[in-house]
Amino acid sequence: MRPVTYEHDQPGWLIRISLGAFLIALLIMGQTATQWLYLPGGILLICFFLFHSLCVRIDDEFIHLSFGIGIIRRSIPLTRIASCQVKRTPWYFGWGIRYVFNGWMWNVSGFHSVELTYVDEGHFRIGTDEPQALEAAINAAIAGNA
């Protein structure tokens, strides 16, 4: 097990509240209307568990990202990262896993992110509610890996 230099689990409160409210509404309507409403309710429940939070963990070799219960995850080698900086994420970029203008973005809530610039000129954004701490941890990990 590699030593972890940074770990943060950001809750997606908007995702939790909105999916939870829709799920409750569908369950109530399913009781009074038709049973077919349980299917979209099941899909919402799966989405809830898959995307309710974003965990970012940095060790001495990788940045590890995982959504929700950890089925959807990605690891980025520190050797691939040339630099990183805090960015404001426009509202129209949305949340979730998305391709934005210059690369991929993983975001669970909020409008702050850290944009990684890859050695091969690609970009990747990590949404966070503590952008300065994440930027400092990534820069320290890059410097320690150089």
N, C-alpha and C. Protein backbone atom coordinates (compact mmCIF):
# COMPACT_ATOMS: atom_id res chain seq x y z
N MET A 1 0.85 -1.19 0.00
CA MET A 1 0.00 0.00 0.00
C MET A 1 0.89 1.24 0.00
N ARG A 2 0.65 2.12 -0.93
CA ARG A 2 1.43 3.35 -1.03
C ARG A 2 0.96 4.38 -0.01
N PRO A 3 1.87 5.21 0.50
CA PRO A 3 1.45 6.25 1.45
C PRO A 3 0.60 7.31 0.75
N VAL A 4 -0.50 7.67 1.37
CA VAL A 4 -1.42 8.66 0.81
C VAL A 4 -1.01 10.04 1.30
N THR A 5 -0.84 10.98 0.38
CA THR A 5 -0.46 12.34 0.75
C THR A 5 -1.65 13.28 0.80
N TYR A 6 -2.75 12.90 0.18
CA TYR A 6 -3.97 13.72 0.17
C TYR A 6 -5.15 12.81 -0.05
N GLU A 7 -6.23 13.07 0.68
CA GLU A 7 -7.47 12.32 0.45
C GLU A 7 -8.64 13.20 0.86
N HIS A 8 -9.60 13.30 -0.04
CA HIS A 8 -10.79 14.11 0.24
C HIS A 8 -11.99 13.49 -0.47
N ASP A 9 -13.08 13.36 0.26
CA ASP A 9 -14.33 12.83 -0.28
C ASP A 9 -15.34 13.97 -0.31
N GLN A 10 -15.64 14.46 -1.51
CA GLN A 10 -16.58 15.58 -1.66
C GLN A 10 -17.99 15.06 -1.87
N PRO A 11 -18.92 15.43 -1.00
CA PRO A 11 -20.31 15.00 -1.21
C PRO A 11 -20.96 15.83 -2.30
N GLY A 12 -21.78 15.19 -3.09
CA GLY A 12 -22.55 15.88 -4.13
C GLY A 12 -23.95 16.16 -3.61
N TRP A 13 -24.08 17.22 -2.82
CA TRP A 13 -25.36 17.48 -2.15
C TRP A 13 -26.49 17.71 -3.12
N LEU A 14 -26.26 18.43 -4.20
CA LEU A 14 -27.33 18.66 -5.18
C LEU A 14 -27.77 17.34 -5.82
N ILE A 15 -26.81 16.50 -6.15
CA ILE A 15 -27.13 15.19 -6.73
C ILE A 15 -27.89 14.34 -5.71
N ARG A 16 -27.43 14.33 -4.47
CA ARG A 16 -28.10 13.55 -3.43
C ARG A 16 -29.53 14.01 -3.21
N ILE A 17 -29.72 15.31 -3.09
CA ILE A 17 -31.06 15.85 -2.81
C ILE A 17 -31.99 15.67 -4.00
N SER A 18 -31.52 16.02 -5.20
CA SER A 18 -32.40 15.93 -6.37
C SER A 18 -32.76 14.49 -6.71
N LEU A 19 -31.77 13.59 -6.74
CA LEU A 19 -32.08 12.19 -7.04
C LEU A 19 -32.93 11.56 -5.93
N GLY A 20 -32.64 11.92 -4.69
CA GLY A 20 -33.44 11.42 -3.58
C GLY A 20 -34.88 11.88 -3.65
N ALA A 21 -35.09 13.16 -3.99
CA ALA A 21 -36.45 13.69 -4.11
C ALA A 21 -37.20 13.02 -5.26
N PHE A 22 -36.55 12.86 -6.40
CA PHE A 22 -37.20 12.18 -7.53
C PHE A 22 -37.52 10.73 -7.19
N LEU A 23 -36.61 10.09 -6.49
CA LEU A 23 -36.82 8.69 -6.11
C LEU A 23 -38.02 8.56 -5.17
N ILE A 24 -38.11 9.42 -4.19
CA ILE A 24 -39.25 9.40 -3.27
C ILE A 24 -40.55 9.69 -4.01
N ALA A 25 -40.52 10.67 -4.92
CA ALA A 25 -41.73 10.99 -5.70
C ALA A 25 -42.16 9.80 -6.56
N LEU A 26 -41.22 9.14 -7.19
CA LEU A 26 -41.55 7.98 -8.02
C LEU A 26 -42.10 6.82 -7.17
N LEU A 27 -41.52 6.63 -6.00
CA LEU A 27 -42.02 5.57 -5.14
C LEU A 27 -43.44 5.86 -4.66
N ILE A 28 -43.72 7.11 -4.34
CA ILE A 28 -45.08 7.49 -3.93
C ILE A 28 -46.06 7.33 -5.09
N MET A 29 -45.66 7.81 -6.27
CA MET A 29 -46.53 7.68 -7.44
C MET A 29 -46.71 6.21 -7.83
N GLY A 30 -45.67 5.39 -7.62
CA GLY A 30 -45.78 3.97 -7.92
C GLY A 30 -46.79 3.27 -7.04
N GLN A 31 -46.96 3.75 -5.83
CA GLN A 31 -47.95 3.17 -4.92
C GLN A 31 -49.37 3.51 -5.34
N THR A 32 -49.57 4.72 -5.87
CA THR A 32 -50.92 5.16 -6.21
C THR A 32 -51.24 5.00 -7.68
N ALA A 33 -50.22 4.97 -8.54
CA ALA A 33 -50.47 4.88 -9.99
C ALA A 33 -50.17 3.46 -10.47
N THR A 34 -49.16 3.32 -11.26
CA THR A 34 -48.83 2.01 -11.82
C THR A 34 -47.46 1.55 -11.34
N GLN A 35 -47.25 0.29 -11.41
CA GLN A 35 -45.99 -0.31 -10.94
C GLN A 35 -44.82 -0.01 -11.88
N TRP A 36 -45.07 0.42 -13.12
CA TRP A 36 -43.97 0.64 -14.05
C TRP A 36 -43.05 1.77 -13.60
N LEU A 37 -43.51 2.61 -12.67
CA LEU A 37 -42.66 3.69 -12.17
C LEU A 37 -41.51 3.18 -11.31
N TYR A 38 -41.54 1.91 -10.91
CA TYR A 38 -40.43 1.36 -10.14
C TYR A 38 -39.17 1.21 -10.99
N LEU A 39 -39.30 1.03 -12.29
CA LEU A 39 -38.14 0.90 -13.16
C LEU A 39 -37.30 2.19 -13.16
N PRO A 40 -37.90 3.36 -13.46
CA PRO A 40 -37.07 4.57 -13.38
C PRO A 40 -36.57 4.84 -11.96
N GLY A 41 -37.36 4.42 -10.97
CA GLY A 41 -36.90 4.56 -9.58
C GLY A 41 -35.65 3.74 -9.32
N GLY A 42 -35.61 2.54 -9.86
CA GLY A 42 -34.42 1.70 -9.73
C GLY A 42 -33.21 2.30 -10.43
N ILE A 43 -33.45 2.88 -11.59
CA ILE A 43 -32.36 3.54 -12.33
C ILE A 43 -31.83 4.72 -11.53
N LEU A 44 -32.74 5.52 -10.95
CA LEU A 44 -32.31 6.66 -10.12
C LEU A 44 -31.52 6.20 -8.90
N LEU A 45 -31.95 5.10 -8.31
CA LEU A 45 -31.25 4.56 -7.15
C LEU A 45 -29.83 4.13 -7.51
N ILE A 46 -29.68 3.49 -8.65
CA ILE A 46 -28.34 3.10 -9.13
C ILE A 46 -27.49 4.34 -9.37
N CYS A 47 -28.05 5.35 -10.03
CA CYS A 47 -27.32 6.60 -10.29
C CYS A 47 -26.91 7.27 -8.99
N PHE A 48 -27.81 7.23 -8.00
CA PHE A 48 -27.51 7.81 -6.70
C PHE A 48 -26.26 7.17 -6.11
N PHE A 49 -26.21 5.85 -6.08
CA PHE A 49 -25.06 5.16 -5.48
C PHE A 49 -23.79 5.32 -6.32
N LEU A 50 -23.93 5.47 -7.63
CA LEU A 50 -22.75 5.62 -8.48
C LEU A 50 -22.15 7.01 -8.44
N PHE A 51 -22.97 8.06 -8.21
CA PHE A 51 -22.49 9.44 -8.37
C PHE A 51 -22.72 10.36 -7.17
N HIS A 52 -22.96 9.84 -5.98
CA HIS A 52 -23.28 10.70 -4.85
C HIS A 52 -22.10 11.46 -4.27
N SER A 53 -20.87 11.09 -4.63
CA SER A 53 -19.69 11.78 -4.12
C SER A 53 -18.51 11.55 -5.06
N LEU A 54 -17.47 12.34 -4.84
CA LEU A 54 -16.23 12.18 -5.61
C LEU A 54 -15.07 12.14 -4.64
N CYS A 55 -14.35 11.05 -4.65
CA CYS A 55 -13.19 10.88 -3.78
C CYS A 55 -11.92 11.10 -4.60
N VAL A 56 -11.04 11.97 -4.08
CA VAL A 56 -9.74 12.22 -4.71
C VAL A 56 -8.68 11.80 -3.71
N ARG A 57 -7.78 10.94 -4.15
CA ARG A 57 -6.70 10.44 -3.31
C ARG A 57 -5.41 10.54 -4.09
N ILE A 58 -4.36 11.05 -3.45
CA ILE A 58 -3.07 11.19 -4.10
C ILE A 58 -2.05 10.39 -3.30
N ASP A 59 -1.31 9.54 -3.99
CA ASP A 59 -0.18 8.86 -3.36
C ASP A 59 1.10 9.29 -4.08
N ASP A 60 2.16 8.55 -3.91
CA ASP A 60 3.44 8.98 -4.48
C ASP A 60 3.57 8.71 -5.98
N GLU A 61 2.58 8.04 -6.59
CA GLU A 61 2.65 7.76 -8.03
C GLU A 61 1.42 8.18 -8.83
N PHE A 62 0.25 8.26 -8.20
CA PHE A 62 -0.99 8.48 -8.93
C PHE A 62 -1.93 9.45 -8.22
N ILE A 63 -2.82 10.03 -9.01
CA ILE A 63 -4.02 10.68 -8.50
C ILE A 63 -5.14 9.68 -8.78
N HIS A 64 -5.81 9.24 -7.72
CA HIS A 64 -6.91 8.29 -7.85
C HIS A 64 -8.23 9.03 -7.67
N LEU A 65 -9.15 8.83 -8.60
CA LEU A 65 -10.48 9.43 -8.53
C LEU A 65 -11.51 8.32 -8.51
N SER A 66 -12.55 8.49 -7.71
CA SER A 66 -13.64 7.52 -7.74
C SER A 66 -14.95 8.20 -7.37
N PHE A 67 -15.98 7.86 -8.13
CA PHE A 67 -17.31 8.36 -7.87
C PHE A 67 -18.06 7.39 -6.96
N GLY A 68 -18.90 7.93 -6.10
CA GLY A 68 -19.83 7.13 -5.31
C GLY A 68 -19.20 5.97 -4.59
N ILE A 69 -19.72 4.78 -4.83
CA ILE A 69 -19.25 3.57 -4.14
C ILE A 69 -17.95 3.02 -4.73
N GLY A 70 -17.41 3.65 -5.76
CA GLY A 70 -16.09 3.29 -6.27
C GLY A 70 -16.05 2.43 -7.51
N ILE A 71 -17.20 2.14 -8.09
CA ILE A 71 -17.19 1.34 -9.32
C ILE A 71 -16.62 2.15 -10.48
N ILE A 72 -16.97 3.44 -10.53
CA ILE A 72 -16.45 4.32 -11.57
C ILE A 72 -15.23 5.03 -11.00
N ARG A 73 -14.06 4.72 -11.58
CA ARG A 73 -12.82 5.27 -11.03
C ARG A 73 -11.77 5.43 -12.13
N ARG A 74 -10.77 6.21 -11.79
CA ARG A 74 -9.69 6.47 -12.73
C ARG A 74 -8.43 6.80 -11.94
N SER A 75 -7.29 6.41 -12.47
CA SER A 75 -6.00 6.76 -11.87
C SER A 75 -5.16 7.48 -12.91
N ILE A 76 -4.58 8.59 -12.51
CA ILE A 76 -3.75 9.40 -13.41
C ILE A 76 -2.32 9.37 -12.89
N PRO A 77 -1.37 8.89 -13.68
CA PRO A 77 0.02 8.87 -13.22
C PRO A 77 0.56 10.29 -13.05
N LEU A 78 1.26 10.54 -11.95
CA LEU A 78 1.83 11.87 -11.71
C LEU A 78 2.86 12.23 -12.77
N THR A 79 3.50 11.23 -13.36
CA THR A 79 4.50 11.50 -14.39
C THR A 79 3.88 12.05 -15.66
N ARG A 80 2.57 11.90 -15.81
CA ARG A 80 1.87 12.41 -17.00
C ARG A 80 1.50 13.89 -16.85
N ILE A 81 1.57 14.43 -15.63
CA ILE A 81 1.10 15.79 -15.36
C ILE A 81 2.25 16.78 -15.45
N ALA A 82 2.08 17.80 -16.29
CA ALA A 82 3.08 18.86 -16.42
C ALA A 82 2.82 19.95 -15.40
N SER A 83 1.55 20.31 -15.18
CA SER A 83 1.21 21.37 -14.24
C SER A 83 -0.26 21.27 -13.86
N CYS A 84 -0.63 22.05 -12.86
CA CYS A 84 -2.04 22.14 -12.49
C CYS A 84 -2.32 23.54 -11.96
N GLN A 85 -3.56 23.96 -12.10
CA GLN A 85 -3.96 25.25 -11.56
C GLN A 85 -5.45 25.26 -11.27
N VAL A 86 -5.83 26.09 -10.31
CA VAL A 86 -7.24 26.23 -9.93
C VAL A 86 -7.97 26.96 -11.04
N LYS A 87 -9.15 26.46 -11.38
CA LYS A 87 -10.00 27.08 -12.40
C LYS A 87 -11.43 27.20 -11.87
N ARG A 88 -12.14 28.15 -12.35
CA ARG A 88 -13.57 28.25 -12.07
C ARG A 88 -14.29 27.50 -13.18
N THR A 89 -15.21 26.63 -12.79
CA THR A 89 -15.94 25.82 -13.75
C THR A 89 -17.26 26.53 -14.07
N PRO A 90 -17.52 26.88 -15.33
CA PRO A 90 -18.78 27.52 -15.68
C PRO A 90 -19.97 26.60 -15.40
N TRP A 91 -21.11 27.18 -15.10
CA TRP A 91 -22.30 26.39 -14.76
C TRP A 91 -22.70 25.46 -15.90
N TYR A 92 -22.46 25.88 -17.14
CA TYR A 92 -22.91 25.07 -18.28
C TYR A 92 -22.02 23.84 -18.52
N PHE A 93 -20.90 23.71 -17.80
CA PHE A 93 -20.12 22.48 -17.87
C PHE A 93 -20.84 21.34 -17.16
N GLY A 94 -21.70 21.67 -16.21
CA GLY A 94 -22.51 20.67 -15.52
C GLY A 94 -21.70 19.84 -14.54
N TRP A 95 -22.29 18.70 -14.15
CA TRP A 95 -21.65 17.80 -13.20
C TRP A 95 -21.64 16.39 -13.77
N GLY A 96 -20.79 15.57 -13.21
CA GLY A 96 -20.66 14.20 -13.69
C GLY A 96 -19.36 14.05 -14.46
N ILE A 97 -19.35 13.13 -15.39
CA ILE A 97 -18.20 12.89 -16.26
C ILE A 97 -18.54 13.50 -17.60
N ARG A 98 -17.74 14.46 -18.02
CA ARG A 98 -18.05 15.19 -19.25
C ARG A 98 -16.78 15.50 -20.03
N TYR A 99 -16.96 15.61 -21.35
CA TYR A 99 -15.88 16.15 -22.16
C TYR A 99 -16.18 17.63 -22.34
N VAL A 100 -15.28 18.47 -21.86
CA VAL A 100 -15.43 19.92 -22.04
C VAL A 100 -14.40 20.36 -23.06
N PHE A 101 -14.39 21.58 -23.41
CA PHE A 101 -13.67 22.10 -24.56
C PHE A 101 -12.27 21.55 -24.79
N ASN A 102 -11.48 21.41 -23.74
CA ASN A 102 -10.10 20.99 -23.95
C ASN A 102 -9.72 19.70 -23.24
N GLY A 103 -10.70 18.95 -22.77
CA GLY A 103 -10.40 17.68 -22.10
C GLY A 103 -11.56 17.19 -21.25
N TRP A 104 -11.33 16.14 -20.50
CA TRP A 104 -12.37 15.54 -19.66
C TRP A 104 -12.46 16.24 -18.33
N MET A 105 -13.65 16.17 -17.73
CA MET A 105 -13.89 16.74 -16.41
C MET A 105 -14.68 15.74 -15.58
N TRP A 106 -14.25 15.55 -14.33
CA TRP A 106 -15.00 14.78 -13.34
C TRP A 106 -15.39 15.76 -12.25
N ASN A 107 -16.69 15.92 -12.03
CA ASN A 107 -17.17 16.92 -11.07
C ASN A 107 -18.45 16.43 -10.44
N VAL A 108 -18.59 16.63 -9.14
CA VAL A 108 -19.79 16.17 -8.45
C VAL A 108 -20.67 17.33 -7.98
N SER A 109 -20.09 18.50 -7.78
CA SER A 109 -20.87 19.68 -7.41
C SER A 109 -19.95 20.88 -7.39
N GLY A 110 -20.55 22.05 -7.32
CA GLY A 110 -19.78 23.28 -7.20
C GLY A 110 -19.22 23.79 -8.51
N PHE A 111 -18.50 24.89 -8.39
CA PHE A 111 -17.97 25.58 -9.57
C PHE A 111 -16.47 25.78 -9.51
N HIS A 112 -15.79 24.99 -8.66
CA HIS A 112 -14.34 25.07 -8.58
C HIS A 112 -13.73 23.76 -9.06
N SER A 113 -12.58 23.87 -9.68
CA SER A 113 -11.89 22.68 -10.14
C SER A 113 -10.40 22.96 -10.20
N VAL A 114 -9.66 21.88 -10.34
CA VAL A 114 -8.23 21.97 -10.59
C VAL A 114 -8.01 21.37 -11.97
N GLU A 115 -7.41 22.15 -12.84
CA GLU A 115 -7.17 21.67 -14.20
C GLU A 115 -5.74 21.15 -14.32
N LEU A 116 -5.63 19.90 -14.69
CA LEU A 116 -4.32 19.29 -14.94
C LEU A 116 -3.95 19.51 -16.39
N THR A 117 -2.72 19.90 -16.64
CA THR A 117 -2.20 19.96 -17.99
C THR A 117 -1.22 18.81 -18.14
N TYR A 118 -1.50 17.95 -19.10
CA TYR A 118 -0.66 16.78 -19.31
C TYR A 118 0.60 17.14 -20.08
N VAL A 119 1.60 16.30 -19.96
CA VAL A 119 2.86 16.47 -20.69
C VAL A 119 2.59 16.47 -22.20
N ASP A 120 1.60 15.67 -22.64
CA ASP A 120 1.27 15.60 -24.06
C ASP A 120 0.23 16.65 -24.47
N GLU A 121 0.10 17.72 -23.68
CA GLU A 121 -0.76 18.87 -23.97
C GLU A 121 -2.25 18.63 -23.74
N GLY A 122 -2.68 17.49 -23.28
CA GLY A 122 -4.08 17.27 -22.95
C GLY A 122 -4.42 17.91 -21.62
N HIS A 123 -5.70 17.96 -21.29
CA HIS A 123 -6.16 18.55 -20.03
C HIS A 123 -7.17 17.63 -19.36
N PHE A 124 -7.27 17.78 -18.04
CA PHE A 124 -8.25 17.03 -17.26
C PHE A 124 -8.63 17.90 -16.06
N ARG A 125 -9.93 18.06 -15.83
CA ARG A 125 -10.40 18.85 -14.69
C ARG A 125 -10.96 17.95 -13.61
N ILE A 126 -10.60 18.27 -12.38
CA ILE A 126 -11.12 17.58 -11.21
C ILE A 126 -11.92 18.59 -10.40
N GLY A 127 -13.22 18.38 -10.29
CA GLY A 127 -14.05 19.26 -9.48
C GLY A 127 -13.76 19.04 -8.01
N THR A 128 -13.77 20.12 -7.23
CA THR A 128 -13.46 20.02 -5.81
C THR A 128 -14.07 21.17 -5.04
N ASP A 129 -14.30 20.94 -3.75
CA ASP A 129 -14.76 22.02 -2.88
C ASP A 129 -13.61 22.58 -2.04
N GLU A 130 -12.40 22.10 -2.27
CA GLU A 130 -11.20 22.66 -1.65
C GLU A 130 -10.08 22.78 -2.70
N PRO A 131 -10.27 23.72 -3.65
CA PRO A 131 -9.35 23.79 -4.80
C PRO A 131 -7.90 24.13 -4.43
N GLN A 132 -7.69 25.04 -3.48
CA GLN A 132 -6.31 25.41 -3.15
C GLN A 132 -5.57 24.23 -2.51
N ALA A 133 -6.24 23.49 -1.63
CA ALA A 133 -5.60 22.34 -0.99
C ALA A 133 -5.28 21.25 -2.00
N LEU A 134 -6.19 20.99 -2.94
CA LEU A 134 -5.94 19.98 -3.97
C LEU A 134 -4.80 20.42 -4.89
N GLU A 135 -4.79 21.68 -5.30
CA GLU A 135 -3.71 22.18 -6.14
C GLU A 135 -2.36 22.05 -5.44
N ALA A 136 -2.30 22.42 -4.15
CA ALA A 136 -1.05 22.32 -3.40
C ALA A 136 -0.60 20.87 -3.28
N ALA A 137 -1.54 19.96 -3.03
CA ALA A 137 -1.19 18.54 -2.91
C ALA A 137 -0.68 17.98 -4.22
N ILE A 138 -1.31 18.34 -5.33
CA ILE A 138 -0.86 17.85 -6.65
C ILE A 138 0.52 18.42 -6.98
N ASN A 139 0.71 19.72 -6.75
CA ASN A 139 2.01 20.33 -7.04
C ASN A 139 3.11 19.71 -6.17
N ALA A 140 2.80 19.44 -4.92
CA ALA A 140 3.79 18.79 -4.04
C ALA A 140 4.10 17.37 -4.53
N ALA A 141 3.07 16.66 -4.96
CA ALA A 141 3.27 15.29 -5.46
C ALA A 141 4.08 15.30 -6.75
N ILE A 142 3.80 16.25 -7.63
CA ILE A 142 4.56 16.37 -8.89
C ILE A 142 6.02 16.68 -8.58
N ALA A 143 6.26 17.61 -7.67
CA ALA A 143 7.63 17.99 -7.30
C ALA A 143 8.37 16.81 -6.65
N GLY A 144 7.67 16.05 -5.84
CA GLY A 144 8.29 14.89 -5.20
C GLY A 144 8.54 13.74 -6.14
N ASN A 145 7.85 13.76 -7.28
CA ASN A 145 7.97 12.69 -8.26
C ASN A 145 8.94 13.04 -9.37
N ALA A 146 9.40 14.28 -9.39
CA ALA A 146 10.29 14.73 -10.48
C ALA A 146 11.69 14.22 -10.32
